[in-house]
C-alpha cells in the first residue's frame, strides 16, 4: 500500500465533499481538511475507526474459534428469513419516508392565525 491512512481519509472526505481541493500539494489539502474539521470531528472519526478495528478483531477471532462448528439447515433458513424481514422493514420505512415527503407531511408546522376577529369582537354583546 503506497497510500497512508491519512491520505485515504483525505481522499474519502474530498469525494463526499467535506473538504475542498485547493491545489496539488499535500499541505494545502491538509490545511483545507483541518480548517473544516474541528477537534470534535477528529475525535468522532478516531473513535469510529477504533470501533471498526475492534469489530474486525472480534469477527476474526469469532471466525477462527467457530471454524469447526456446523450450522444446520434450519439455522440457514432462519438467517435467510431474518435477512428478508430486515430488508422488508427497511424498504417499508424508506417508502414511508418518501411518501410523507411527497405529500408534505415533513414540512415544518405553520401557525395559522385567526382571520381579522377585531370587527366581530366589537359587535358581539358582552356577557356578564
N, C-alpha and C. Protein backbone atom coordinates (compact mmCIF):
# COMPACT_ATOMS: atom_id res chain seq x y z
N UNK A 1 0.84 -1.18 0.00
CA UNK A 1 0.00 0.00 0.00
C UNK A 1 0.88 1.24 0.00
N UNK A 2 0.72 2.01 -1.06
CA UNK A 2 1.54 3.21 -1.17
C UNK A 2 0.91 4.41 -0.47
N UNK A 3 -0.40 4.37 -0.23
CA UNK A 3 -1.07 5.48 0.44
C UNK A 3 -1.15 5.21 1.94
N UNK A 4 -1.03 6.28 2.70
CA UNK A 4 -1.19 6.15 4.13
C UNK A 4 -2.67 6.31 4.48
N UNK A 5 -2.98 6.02 5.72
CA UNK A 5 -4.37 6.13 6.18
C UNK A 5 -4.86 7.57 6.08
N UNK A 6 -3.98 8.52 6.40
CA UNK A 6 -4.37 9.93 6.32
C UNK A 6 -4.73 10.31 4.90
N UNK A 7 -3.92 9.88 3.93
CA UNK A 7 -4.21 10.20 2.53
C UNK A 7 -5.52 9.55 2.09
N UNK A 8 -5.79 8.32 2.55
CA UNK A 8 -7.04 7.67 2.20
C UNK A 8 -8.23 8.41 2.79
N UNK A 9 -8.12 8.83 4.06
CA UNK A 9 -9.20 9.57 4.69
C UNK A 9 -9.43 10.91 4.02
N UNK A 10 -8.35 11.60 3.65
CA UNK A 10 -8.50 12.87 2.94
C UNK A 10 -9.17 12.65 1.60
N UNK A 11 -8.82 11.57 0.90
CA UNK A 11 -9.45 11.26 -0.38
C UNK A 11 -10.93 10.98 -0.22
N UNK A 12 -11.29 10.22 0.81
CA UNK A 12 -12.70 9.92 1.05
C UNK A 12 -13.46 11.20 1.39
N UNK A 13 -12.88 12.04 2.25
CA UNK A 13 -13.54 13.28 2.61
C UNK A 13 -13.70 14.21 1.40
N UNK A 14 -12.74 14.19 0.50
CA UNK A 14 -12.85 15.02 -0.70
C UNK A 14 -13.94 14.49 -1.62
N UNK A 15 -14.08 13.17 -1.69
CA UNK A 15 -15.10 12.60 -2.55
C UNK A 15 -16.50 12.91 -2.06
N UNK A 16 -16.70 12.91 -0.75
CA UNK A 16 -18.03 13.20 -0.24
C UNK A 16 -18.27 14.69 -0.09
N UNK A 17 -17.28 15.50 -0.39
CA UNK A 17 -17.47 16.94 -0.38
C UNK A 17 -17.23 17.61 0.95
N UNK A 18 -16.61 16.93 1.89
CA UNK A 18 -16.35 17.53 3.19
C UNK A 18 -15.16 18.48 3.14
N UNK A 19 -14.27 18.28 2.18
CA UNK A 19 -13.13 19.17 2.03
C UNK A 19 -13.03 19.60 0.58
N UNK A 20 -12.32 20.66 0.37
CA UNK A 20 -12.12 21.18 -0.98
C UNK A 20 -10.64 21.04 -1.34
N UNK A 21 -10.38 20.69 -2.59
CA UNK A 21 -9.01 20.67 -3.05
C UNK A 21 -8.60 22.08 -3.43
N UNK A 22 -7.55 22.55 -2.80
CA UNK A 22 -7.11 23.90 -3.11
C UNK A 22 -5.82 23.89 -3.93
N UNK A 23 -5.31 22.73 -4.23
CA UNK A 23 -4.10 22.64 -5.02
C UNK A 23 -3.62 21.21 -5.07
N UNK A 24 -2.49 21.03 -5.74
CA UNK A 24 -1.96 19.68 -5.91
C UNK A 24 -1.08 19.25 -4.74
N UNK A 25 -0.55 20.20 -3.98
CA UNK A 25 0.37 19.81 -2.91
C UNK A 25 -0.40 19.31 -1.69
N UNK A 26 0.28 18.52 -0.92
CA UNK A 26 -0.33 17.84 0.22
C UNK A 26 -0.65 18.81 1.35
N UNK A 27 0.18 19.83 1.56
CA UNK A 27 -0.04 20.75 2.66
C UNK A 27 -1.32 21.54 2.49
N UNK A 28 -1.65 21.89 1.27
CA UNK A 28 -2.89 22.64 1.06
C UNK A 28 -4.10 21.76 1.32
N UNK A 29 -4.01 20.46 0.99
CA UNK A 29 -5.12 19.56 1.27
C UNK A 29 -5.28 19.36 2.76
N UNK A 30 -4.17 19.25 3.50
CA UNK A 30 -4.26 19.09 4.94
C UNK A 30 -4.81 20.35 5.60
N UNK A 31 -4.44 21.52 5.08
CA UNK A 31 -4.95 22.77 5.63
C UNK A 31 -6.45 22.86 5.40
N UNK A 32 -6.91 22.49 4.21
CA UNK A 32 -8.34 22.53 3.93
C UNK A 32 -9.09 21.54 4.80
N UNK A 33 -8.49 20.36 5.04
CA UNK A 33 -9.14 19.36 5.88
C UNK A 33 -9.21 19.83 7.32
N UNK A 34 -8.12 20.33 7.85
CA UNK A 34 -8.11 20.75 9.24
C UNK A 34 -8.95 22.00 9.45
N UNK A 35 -9.10 22.82 8.42
CA UNK A 35 -9.93 24.01 8.57
C UNK A 35 -11.39 23.64 8.66
N UNK A 36 -11.81 22.57 8.00
CA UNK A 36 -13.21 22.16 8.01
C UNK A 36 -13.54 21.28 9.21
N UNK A 37 -12.58 20.49 9.68
CA UNK A 37 -12.84 19.54 10.76
C UNK A 37 -12.25 20.08 12.05
N UNK A 38 -13.11 20.21 13.05
CA UNK A 38 -12.64 20.67 14.35
C UNK A 38 -12.16 19.49 15.18
N UNK A 39 -11.86 19.76 16.43
CA UNK A 39 -11.37 18.73 17.33
C UNK A 39 -12.43 17.65 17.55
N UNK A 40 -13.68 18.08 17.70
CA UNK A 40 -14.76 17.12 17.90
C UNK A 40 -14.92 16.16 16.74
N UNK A 41 -14.76 16.69 15.53
CA UNK A 41 -14.87 15.83 14.34
C UNK A 41 -13.75 14.80 14.30
N UNK A 42 -12.56 15.22 14.67
CA UNK A 42 -11.44 14.27 14.69
C UNK A 42 -11.64 13.21 15.76
N UNK A 43 -12.16 13.61 16.91
CA UNK A 43 -12.41 12.64 17.99
C UNK A 43 -13.43 11.60 17.53
N UNK A 44 -14.52 12.08 16.91
CA UNK A 44 -15.54 11.15 16.41
C UNK A 44 -14.95 10.22 15.36
N UNK A 45 -14.15 10.76 14.45
CA UNK A 45 -13.54 9.95 13.40
C UNK A 45 -12.60 8.90 13.99
N UNK A 46 -11.80 9.28 14.97
CA UNK A 46 -10.88 8.32 15.60
C UNK A 46 -11.65 7.24 16.35
N UNK A 47 -12.70 7.62 17.07
CA UNK A 47 -13.50 6.63 17.80
C UNK A 47 -14.15 5.65 16.82
N UNK A 48 -14.68 6.16 15.71
CA UNK A 48 -15.32 5.28 14.74
C UNK A 48 -14.30 4.32 14.09
N UNK A 49 -13.12 4.81 13.80
CA UNK A 49 -12.08 3.93 13.22
C UNK A 49 -11.67 2.87 14.24
N UNK A 50 -11.54 3.26 15.50
CA UNK A 50 -11.19 2.28 16.54
C UNK A 50 -12.30 1.24 16.71
N UNK A 51 -13.56 1.66 16.63
CA UNK A 51 -14.66 0.70 16.70
C UNK A 51 -14.65 -0.24 15.50
N UNK A 52 -14.31 0.28 14.34
CA UNK A 52 -14.21 -0.57 13.15
C UNK A 52 -13.10 -1.60 13.31
N UNK A 53 -11.97 -1.19 13.83
CA UNK A 53 -10.85 -2.12 14.06
C UNK A 53 -11.24 -3.17 15.10
N UNK A 54 -11.89 -2.74 16.19
CA UNK A 54 -12.30 -3.68 17.23
C UNK A 54 -13.32 -4.68 16.68
N UNK A 55 -14.23 -4.22 15.84
CA UNK A 55 -15.20 -5.13 15.23
C UNK A 55 -14.50 -6.14 14.34
N UNK A 56 -13.52 -5.69 13.59
CA UNK A 56 -12.75 -6.61 12.74
C UNK A 56 -12.02 -7.66 13.56
N UNK A 57 -11.46 -7.27 14.70
CA UNK A 57 -10.76 -8.22 15.56
C UNK A 57 -11.73 -9.25 16.13
N UNK A 58 -12.90 -8.79 16.58
CA UNK A 58 -13.90 -9.71 17.13
C UNK A 58 -14.38 -10.69 16.05
N UNK A 59 -14.63 -10.17 14.85
CA UNK A 59 -15.07 -11.04 13.76
C UNK A 59 -14.00 -12.05 13.41
N UNK A 60 -12.74 -11.63 13.38
CA UNK A 60 -11.64 -12.54 13.05
C UNK A 60 -11.56 -13.67 14.08
N UNK A 61 -11.54 -13.32 15.36
CA UNK A 61 -11.43 -14.36 16.39
C UNK A 61 -12.66 -15.24 16.44
N UNK A 62 -13.83 -14.68 16.20
CA UNK A 62 -15.04 -15.49 16.15
C UNK A 62 -14.98 -16.47 15.00
N UNK A 63 -14.47 -16.03 13.86
CA UNK A 63 -14.37 -16.90 12.69
C UNK A 63 -13.38 -18.04 12.95
N UNK A 64 -12.27 -17.71 13.60
CA UNK A 64 -11.24 -18.72 13.89
C UNK A 64 -11.77 -19.73 14.91
N UNK A 65 -12.42 -19.26 15.98
CA UNK A 65 -12.88 -20.16 17.03
C UNK A 65 -14.07 -21.01 16.59
N UNK A 66 -14.87 -20.53 15.67
CA UNK A 66 -16.06 -21.27 15.23
C UNK A 66 -15.81 -22.00 13.92
N UNK A 67 -14.57 -22.29 13.63
CA UNK A 67 -14.22 -22.92 12.36
C UNK A 67 -14.82 -24.31 12.23
N UNK A 68 -14.90 -25.05 13.32
CA UNK A 68 -15.38 -26.43 13.24
C UNK A 68 -16.87 -26.55 13.53
N UNK A 69 -17.55 -25.45 13.79
CA UNK A 69 -18.98 -25.50 14.12
C UNK A 69 -19.79 -25.62 12.84
N UNK A 70 -20.71 -26.58 12.82
CA UNK A 70 -21.58 -26.76 11.67
C UNK A 70 -22.92 -26.09 11.94
N UNK A 71 -23.45 -25.44 10.93
CA UNK A 71 -24.74 -24.79 11.04
C UNK A 71 -25.77 -25.68 10.37
N UNK A 72 -26.84 -26.03 11.09
CA UNK A 72 -27.87 -26.89 10.47
C UNK A 72 -28.67 -26.10 9.42
N UNK A 73 -29.43 -26.82 8.64
CA UNK A 73 -30.24 -26.20 7.59
C UNK A 73 -31.25 -25.23 8.18
N UNK A 74 -31.79 -25.56 9.34
CA UNK A 74 -32.75 -24.65 9.98
C UNK A 74 -32.09 -23.33 10.37
N UNK A 75 -30.81 -23.36 10.69
CA UNK A 75 -30.09 -22.14 11.01
C UNK A 75 -29.96 -21.24 9.79
N UNK A 76 -29.64 -21.83 8.64
CA UNK A 76 -29.56 -21.04 7.41
C UNK A 76 -30.92 -20.50 7.01
N UNK A 77 -31.98 -21.31 7.19
CA UNK A 77 -33.33 -20.86 6.86
C UNK A 77 -33.75 -19.70 7.77
N UNK A 78 -33.43 -19.80 9.04
CA UNK A 78 -33.76 -18.73 9.98
C UNK A 78 -32.99 -17.46 9.65
N UNK A 79 -31.72 -17.61 9.29
CA UNK A 79 -30.91 -16.45 8.93
C UNK A 79 -31.46 -15.79 7.67
N UNK A 80 -31.84 -16.57 6.67
CA UNK A 80 -32.41 -16.02 5.44
C UNK A 80 -33.72 -15.30 5.73
N UNK A 81 -34.56 -15.90 6.60
CA UNK A 81 -35.82 -15.26 6.98
C UNK A 81 -35.56 -13.93 7.67
N UNK A 82 -34.57 -13.88 8.55
CA UNK A 82 -34.23 -12.63 9.23
C UNK A 82 -33.74 -11.56 8.27
N UNK A 83 -32.94 -11.96 7.30
CA UNK A 83 -32.46 -11.00 6.31
C UNK A 83 -33.62 -10.46 5.49
N UNK A 84 -34.54 -11.33 5.08
CA UNK A 84 -35.68 -10.90 4.26
C UNK A 84 -36.58 -9.96 5.06
N UNK A 85 -36.84 -10.29 6.33
CA UNK A 85 -37.67 -9.42 7.16
C UNK A 85 -36.99 -8.08 7.38
N UNK A 86 -35.68 -8.08 7.62
CA UNK A 86 -34.95 -6.82 7.82
C UNK A 86 -35.00 -5.96 6.57
N UNK A 87 -34.81 -6.58 5.41
CA UNK A 87 -34.90 -5.81 4.17
C UNK A 87 -36.31 -5.27 3.95
N UNK A 88 -37.33 -6.06 4.26
CA UNK A 88 -38.71 -5.60 4.09
C UNK A 88 -39.00 -4.40 5.00
N UNK A 89 -38.53 -4.46 6.24
CA UNK A 89 -38.73 -3.34 7.15
C UNK A 89 -38.00 -2.11 6.64
N UNK A 90 -36.77 -2.28 6.18
CA UNK A 90 -36.00 -1.16 5.64
C UNK A 90 -36.66 -0.54 4.42
N UNK A 91 -37.11 -1.39 3.47
CA UNK A 91 -37.78 -0.87 2.28
C UNK A 91 -39.10 -0.19 2.66
N UNK A 92 -39.83 -0.76 3.59
CA UNK A 92 -41.09 -0.17 4.02
C UNK A 92 -40.90 1.20 4.66
N UNK A 93 -39.90 1.31 5.52
CA UNK A 93 -39.63 2.60 6.17
C UNK A 93 -39.17 3.65 5.16
N UNK A 94 -38.35 3.24 4.21
CA UNK A 94 -37.92 4.18 3.16
C UNK A 94 -39.10 4.61 2.31
N UNK A 95 -40.01 3.68 1.99
CA UNK A 95 -41.20 4.03 1.21
C UNK A 95 -42.06 5.03 1.98
N UNK A 96 -42.24 4.80 3.28
CA UNK A 96 -42.99 5.76 4.09
C UNK A 96 -42.32 7.12 4.15
N UNK A 97 -41.00 7.13 4.22
CA UNK A 97 -40.26 8.38 4.23
C UNK A 97 -40.49 9.16 2.95
N UNK A 98 -40.38 8.49 1.80
CA UNK A 98 -40.59 9.17 0.52
C UNK A 98 -42.05 9.60 0.37
N UNK A 99 -42.98 8.77 0.82
CA UNK A 99 -44.40 9.10 0.72
C UNK A 99 -44.72 10.35 1.54
N UNK A 100 -44.23 10.38 2.79
CA UNK A 100 -44.52 11.53 3.64
C UNK A 100 -43.85 12.79 3.12
N UNK A 101 -42.69 12.64 2.50
CA UNK A 101 -42.00 13.80 1.94
C UNK A 101 -42.77 14.34 0.73
N UNK A 102 -43.28 13.45 -0.12
CA UNK A 102 -44.02 13.87 -1.31
C UNK A 102 -45.36 14.51 -0.95
N UNK A 103 -46.00 14.03 0.09
CA UNK A 103 -47.32 14.54 0.48
C UNK A 103 -47.22 15.80 1.34
N UNK A 104 -46.01 16.18 1.74
CA UNK A 104 -45.83 17.40 2.52
C UNK A 104 -45.96 17.23 4.01
N UNK A 105 -45.96 15.99 4.49
CA UNK A 105 -46.07 15.77 5.93
C UNK A 105 -44.79 16.14 6.68
N UNK A 106 -43.70 16.31 5.97
CA UNK A 106 -42.42 16.63 6.60
C UNK A 106 -42.17 18.13 6.70
N UNK A 107 -43.12 18.94 6.26
CA UNK A 107 -42.94 20.38 6.32
C UNK A 107 -43.04 20.85 7.76
N UNK A 108 -42.34 21.92 8.11
CA UNK A 108 -42.44 22.42 9.48
C UNK A 108 -43.85 22.97 9.74
N UNK A 109 -44.29 22.92 10.99
CA UNK A 109 -45.64 23.42 11.29
C UNK A 109 -45.73 24.92 11.10
N UNK A 110 -46.89 25.37 10.67
CA UNK A 110 -47.13 26.80 10.45
C UNK A 110 -48.32 27.19 11.31
N UNK A 111 -48.16 28.25 12.07
CA UNK A 111 -49.24 28.75 12.91
C UNK A 111 -50.22 29.52 12.03
N UNK A 112 -51.44 29.06 12.01
CA UNK A 112 -52.47 29.74 11.24
C UNK A 112 -53.25 30.59 12.22
N UNK A 113 -53.10 31.88 12.09
CA UNK A 113 -53.78 32.81 12.99
C UNK A 113 -55.22 32.99 12.58
N UNK A 114 -56.05 33.45 13.50
CA UNK A 114 -57.45 33.68 13.16
C UNK A 114 -57.57 34.83 12.16
N UNK A 115 -58.64 34.79 11.40
CA UNK A 115 -58.92 35.90 10.50
C UNK A 115 -59.10 37.15 11.34
N UNK A 116 -59.24 38.27 10.75
CA UNK A 116 -59.36 39.53 11.48
C UNK A 116 -60.61 39.50 12.36
N UNK A 117 -60.45 39.10 13.63
CA UNK A 117 -61.57 38.96 14.55
C UNK A 117 -61.91 40.27 15.26
N UNK A 118 -61.13 41.31 15.03
CA UNK A 118 -61.36 42.54 15.78
C UNK A 118 -62.73 43.14 15.48
N UNK A 119 -63.22 43.05 14.24
CA UNK A 119 -64.52 43.62 13.89
C UNK A 119 -65.64 42.81 14.53
N UNK A 120 -65.51 41.51 14.56
CA UNK A 120 -66.55 40.67 15.15
C UNK A 120 -66.61 40.85 16.66
N UNK A 121 -65.47 41.01 17.30
CA UNK A 121 -65.48 41.13 18.76
C UNK A 121 -66.05 42.46 19.21
N UNK A 122 -65.98 43.48 18.39
CA UNK A 122 -66.55 44.77 18.77
C UNK A 122 -68.08 44.72 18.71
N UNK A 123 -68.64 43.98 17.75
CA UNK A 123 -70.07 43.92 17.60
C UNK A 123 -70.73 42.91 18.53
N UNK A 124 -69.97 42.04 19.10
CA UNK A 124 -70.54 40.99 19.95
C UNK A 124 -71.00 41.59 21.26
N UNK A 125 -72.15 41.18 21.74
CA UNK A 125 -72.61 41.71 23.04
C UNK A 125 -71.78 41.12 24.18
N UNK A 126 -71.55 41.93 25.15
CA UNK A 126 -70.77 41.48 26.30
C UNK A 126 -71.69 40.71 27.25
N UNK A 127 -71.21 39.60 27.76
CA UNK A 127 -71.97 38.83 28.72
C UNK A 127 -71.35 38.95 30.09
N UNK A 128 -72.20 39.03 31.08
CA UNK A 128 -71.69 39.18 32.45
C UNK A 128 -72.07 38.03 33.31
